[in-house]
Amino acid sequence: MRDLAILDPRPSTVACQCERTHTLASHRVLANVGVRRDIAERVLGHAIPGVEGVYDRHHYGDEKAEALKQLAHLVETIVNPQGNVVAMTRGRRQKAAQKAGALK
């Protein structure tokens, strides 16, 4: 009976859950940088349902490029933070630990 499970063409529940979670997270991130939902669908390569998917033949190249630029900017700010981020040297780390101990 176990051998029959290998032949099952349906995706596993785990794979479906991972794909759904990835899609939701992708939409959330794109929404956070100001990308419209319909453009996000196109950036992610999803098929557009209904009449819009059939008759709207515009490629949305400029809109998708702008969405990806916004996403790249977000990633850049996460990877290379600017502003009030200060590197912790040994001296600063010790002072912060002392200060935290004094607050307790």
C-alpha atoms as a PDB file:
ATOM      1  CA  MET A   1       0.000   0.000   0.000  1.00  0.00           C
ATOM      2  CA  ARG A   2       2.847   2.418   0.715  1.00  0.00           C
ATOM      3  CA  ASP A   3       4.057   2.096  -2.887  1.00  0.00           C
ATOM      4  CA  LEU A   4       0.751   3.504  -4.127  1.00  0.00           C
ATOM      5  CA  ALA A   5       1.409   6.772  -2.297  1.00  0.00           C
ATOM      6  CA  ILE A   6       4.413   7.373  -4.542  1.00  0.00           C
ATOM      7  CA  LEU A   7       2.185   7.199  -7.623  1.00  0.00           C
ATOM      8  CA  ASP A   8      -0.340   9.713  -6.262  1.00  0.00           C
ATOM      9  CA  PRO A   9      -0.199  12.736  -8.630  1.00  0.00           C
ATOM     10  CA  ARG A  10      -1.829  15.102  -6.115  1.00  0.00           C
ATOM     11  CA  PRO A  11       0.533  17.464  -4.283  1.00  0.00           C
ATOM     12  CA  SER A  12       1.021  16.796  -0.628  1.00  0.00           C
ATOM     13  CA  THR A  13      -0.756  18.941   1.947  1.00  0.00           C
ATOM     14  CA  VAL A  14       2.598  20.231   3.178  1.00  0.00           C
ATOM     15  CA  ALA A  15       3.628  21.401  -0.282  1.00  0.00           C
ATOM     16  CA  CYS A  16       0.287  23.157  -0.760  1.00  0.00           C
ATOM     17  CA  GLN A  17       0.579  24.875   2.616  1.00  0.00           C
ATOM     18  CA  CYS A  18       4.130  26.033   1.835  1.00  0.00           C
ATOM     19  CA  GLU A  19       3.065  27.436  -1.523  1.00  0.00           C
ATOM     20  CA  ARG A  20       0.068  29.224   0.003  1.00  0.00           C
ATOM     21  CA  THR A  21       2.217  30.697   2.791  1.00  0.00           C
ATOM     22  CA  HIS A  22       4.826  31.880   0.272  1.00  0.00           C
ATOM     23  CA  THR A  23       2.165  33.508  -1.913  1.00  0.00           C
ATOM     24  CA  LEU A  24       0.567  35.320   1.033  1.00  0.00           C
ATOM     25  CA  ALA A  25       3.934  36.524   2.308  1.00  0.00           C
ATOM     26  CA  SER A  26       4.901  37.738  -1.168  1.00  0.00           C
ATOM     27  CA  HIS A  27       1.664  39.669  -1.508  1.00  0.00           C
ATOM     28  CA  ARG A  28       2.137  41.191   1.943  1.00  0.00           C
ATOM     29  CA  VAL A  29       5.675  42.361   1.191  1.00  0.00           C
ATOM     30  CA  LEU A  30       4.692  43.829  -2.174  1.00  0.00           C
ATOM     31  CA  ALA A  31       1.701  45.589  -0.579  1.00  0.00           C
ATOM     32  CA  ASN A  32       3.997  47.042   2.104  1.00  0.00           C
ATOM     33  CA  VAL A  33       6.109  48.748  -0.558  1.00  0.00           C
ATOM     34  CA  GLY A  34       2.994  50.163  -2.262  1.00  0.00           C
ATOM     35  CA  VAL A  35       2.448  47.732  -5.133  1.00  0.00           C
ATOM     36  CA  ARG A  36      -1.164  47.306  -6.256  1.00  0.00           C
ATOM     37  CA  ARG A  37      -2.568  43.806  -5.863  1.00  0.00           C
ATOM     38  CA  ASP A  38      -3.174  43.287  -9.605  1.00  0.00           C
ATOM     39  CA  ILE A  39       0.425  44.253 -10.379  1.00  0.00           C
ATOM     40  CA  ALA A  40       1.658  41.965  -7.572  1.00  0.00           C
ATOM     41  CA  GLU A  41      -0.229  39.079  -9.191  1.00  0.00           C
ATOM     42  CA  ARG A  42       1.562  39.749 -12.457  1.00  0.00           C
ATOM     43  CA  VAL A  43       4.971  40.139 -10.776  1.00  0.00           C
ATOM     44  CA  LEU A  44       4.469  36.750  -9.122  1.00  0.00           C
ATOM     45  CA  GLY A  45       3.531  35.216 -12.479  1.00  0.00           C
ATOM     46  CA  HIS A  46      -0.007  34.257 -11.473  1.00  0.00           C
ATOM     47  CA  ALA A  47      -2.702  33.834 -14.109  1.00  0.00           C
ATOM     48  CA  ILE A  48      -5.268  36.615 -13.972  1.00  0.00           C
ATOM     49  CA  PRO A  49      -8.755  35.079 -13.729  1.00  0.00           C
ATOM     50  CA  GLY A  50     -11.933  35.974 -15.544  1.00  0.00           C
ATOM     51  CA  VAL A  51     -12.560  38.507 -18.275  1.00  0.00           C
ATOM     52  CA  GLU A  52      -9.545  40.593 -17.284  1.00  0.00           C
ATOM     53  CA  GLY A  53      -7.234  37.630 -17.782  1.00  0.00           C
ATOM     54  CA  VAL A  54      -8.687  36.897 -21.211  1.00  0.00           C
ATOM     55  CA  TYR A  55      -8.965  40.357 -22.730  1.00  0.00           C
ATOM     56  CA  ASP A  56      -6.314  42.445 -20.974  1.00  0.00           C
ATOM     57  CA  ARG A  57      -3.283  41.865 -23.207  1.00  0.00           C
ATOM     58  CA  HIS A  58      -1.120  44.700 -21.856  1.00  0.00           C
ATOM     59  CA  HIS A  59       2.215  43.299 -20.627  1.00  0.00           C
ATOM     60  CA  TYR A  60       2.557  45.700 -17.653  1.00  0.00           C
ATOM     61  CA  GLY A  61       6.335  45.738 -18.133  1.00  0.00           C
ATOM     62  CA  ASP A  62       6.839  49.259 -16.737  1.00  0.00           C
ATOM     63  CA  GLU A  63       4.554  48.600 -13.765  1.00  0.00           C
ATOM     64  CA  LYS A  64       6.267  45.303 -12.936  1.00  0.00           C
ATOM     65  CA  ALA A  65       9.709  46.921 -13.260  1.00  0.00           C
ATOM     66  CA  GLU A  66       8.667  49.693 -10.852  1.00  0.00           C
ATOM     67  CA  ALA A  67       7.287  47.115  -8.395  1.00  0.00           C
ATOM     68  CA  LEU A  68      10.558  45.196  -8.484  1.00  0.00           C
ATOM     69  CA  LYS A  69      12.533  48.429  -7.965  1.00  0.00           C
ATOM     70  CA  GLN A  70      10.437  49.170  -4.883  1.00  0.00           C
ATOM     71  CA  LEU A  71      11.029  45.636  -3.620  1.00  0.00           C
ATOM     72  CA  ALA A  72      14.779  45.953  -4.302  1.00  0.00           C
ATOM     73  CA  HIS A  73      14.860  49.198  -2.322  1.00  0.00           C
ATOM     74  CA  LEU A  74      13.178  47.468   0.638  1.00  0.00           C
ATOM     75  CA  VAL A  75      15.669  44.593   0.503  1.00  0.00           C
ATOM     76  CA  GLU A  76      18.553  47.092   0.279  1.00  0.00           C
ATOM     77  CA  THR A  77      17.364  48.923   3.408  1.00  0.00           C
ATOM     78  CA  ILE A  78      17.128  45.625   5.277  1.00  0.00           C
ATOM     79  CA  VAL A  79      20.544  44.348   4.161  1.00  0.00           C
ATOM     80  CA  ASN A  80      22.350  47.693   4.488  1.00  0.00           C
ATOM     81  CA  PRO A  81      20.492  49.708   7.152  1.00  0.00           C
ATOM     82  CA  GLN A  82      21.219  53.431   7.393  1.00  0.00           C
ATOM     83  CA  GLY A  83      20.357  56.031   9.980  1.00  0.00           C
ATOM     84  CA  ASN A  84      20.171  55.268  13.645  1.00  0.00           C
ATOM     85  CA  VAL A  85      21.862  51.858  13.507  1.00  0.00           C
ATOM     86  CA  VAL A  86      25.153  51.897  15.428  1.00  0.00           C
ATOM     87  CA  ALA A  87      27.636  49.039  15.412  1.00  0.00           C
ATOM     88  CA  MET A  88      28.138  47.533  18.849  1.00  0.00           C
ATOM     89  CA  THR A  89      31.785  47.585  19.848  1.00  0.00           C
ATOM     90  CA  ARG A  90      32.987  45.751  22.917  1.00  0.00           C
ATOM     91  CA  GLY A  91      32.936  48.947  25.001  1.00  0.00           C
ATOM     92  CA  ARG A  92      29.416  49.885  23.937  1.00  0.00           C
ATOM     93  CA  ARG A  93      28.195  46.338  24.510  1.00  0.00           C
ATOM     94  CA  GLN A  94      29.570  46.377  28.078  1.00  0.00           C
ATOM     95  CA  LYS A  95      28.047  49.801  28.796  1.00  0.00           C
ATOM     96  CA  ALA A  96      24.685  48.659  27.440  1.00  0.00           C
ATOM     97  CA  ALA A  97      24.826  45.528  29.578  1.00  0.00           C
ATOM     98  CA  GLN A  98      25.700  47.596  32.673  1.00  0.00           C
ATOM     99  CA  LYS A  99      22.905  50.046  31.937  1.00  0.00           C
ATOM    100  CA  ALA A 100      20.425  47.189  31.452  1.00  0.00           C
ATOM    101  CA  GLY A 101      21.544  45.656  34.734  1.00  0.00           C
ATOM    102  CA  ALA A 102      21.015  48.993  36.503  1.00  0.00           C
ATOM    103  CA  LEU A 103      17.465  49.227  35.142  1.00  0.00           C
ATOM    104  CA  LYS A 104      16.442  45.859  36.575  1.00  0.00           C
END
